[in-house]
Amino acid sequence: QRNQLNLRFMATSLQNLSDYDSSNFIDISDKRFGLVVAEWNREITDVLSAGAYETLLKHGALDKNIYRNTVPGSFELTLGAQLLAQHEEIDAVICLGVVIQGETKHDDYINHAVAQGITHVGLKYNKPVIFGLVTTNTLEQAWDRAGGKHGNKGVEAAVAAIQMLGF
């Protein structure tokens, strides 16, 4: 029963990605954030990026302290993250992309590589590098996580960055 309870709380289909408690957020007015946004599925990644950007501003980040870089696709998020994270003045990096399952297993390889790469960059530079990759079976599911019925993964990623800066 406990495992079922844990799975219930972790399942995205049962949560809204844009719901969070900000009561313990730190002051981020002097923090600098790098957004790395994949251009593949750009209609969706632009919505994710806007969600992250607006969330950072809402909680005190300054516009001049938010840097947005684009990369061709989700696979390139890792190098994009590293290029930002290597700068001492960047406090956290938020990676945003979309990988939709297709007829081949490309999504498994990309998702795995990006997850490992982003983790590695964060550990290498000892700063938050946030995995904001939407990984779905269908385009409809991706839209559901980009401001649809499940909220916005970009918001969730920005919240994670703020929380990790206060850790």
Foldseek 3Di string as FASTA:
>chain_A
DVVVVVVCVPDLVNAALQDDDCPPFDACQQAAEEEEFACVVVVLRVLLQVLLVVLCVVRRYDPVRYHYDYDHALLCQLVVLLVVLVDPRHQEYEYAHEDEDDPDCVLVVSVVNSVVSQVVSCVVSVHYYFDLYHYYHDPVVSVCQSCRVRHHSSNNRNVVRRVRSVD
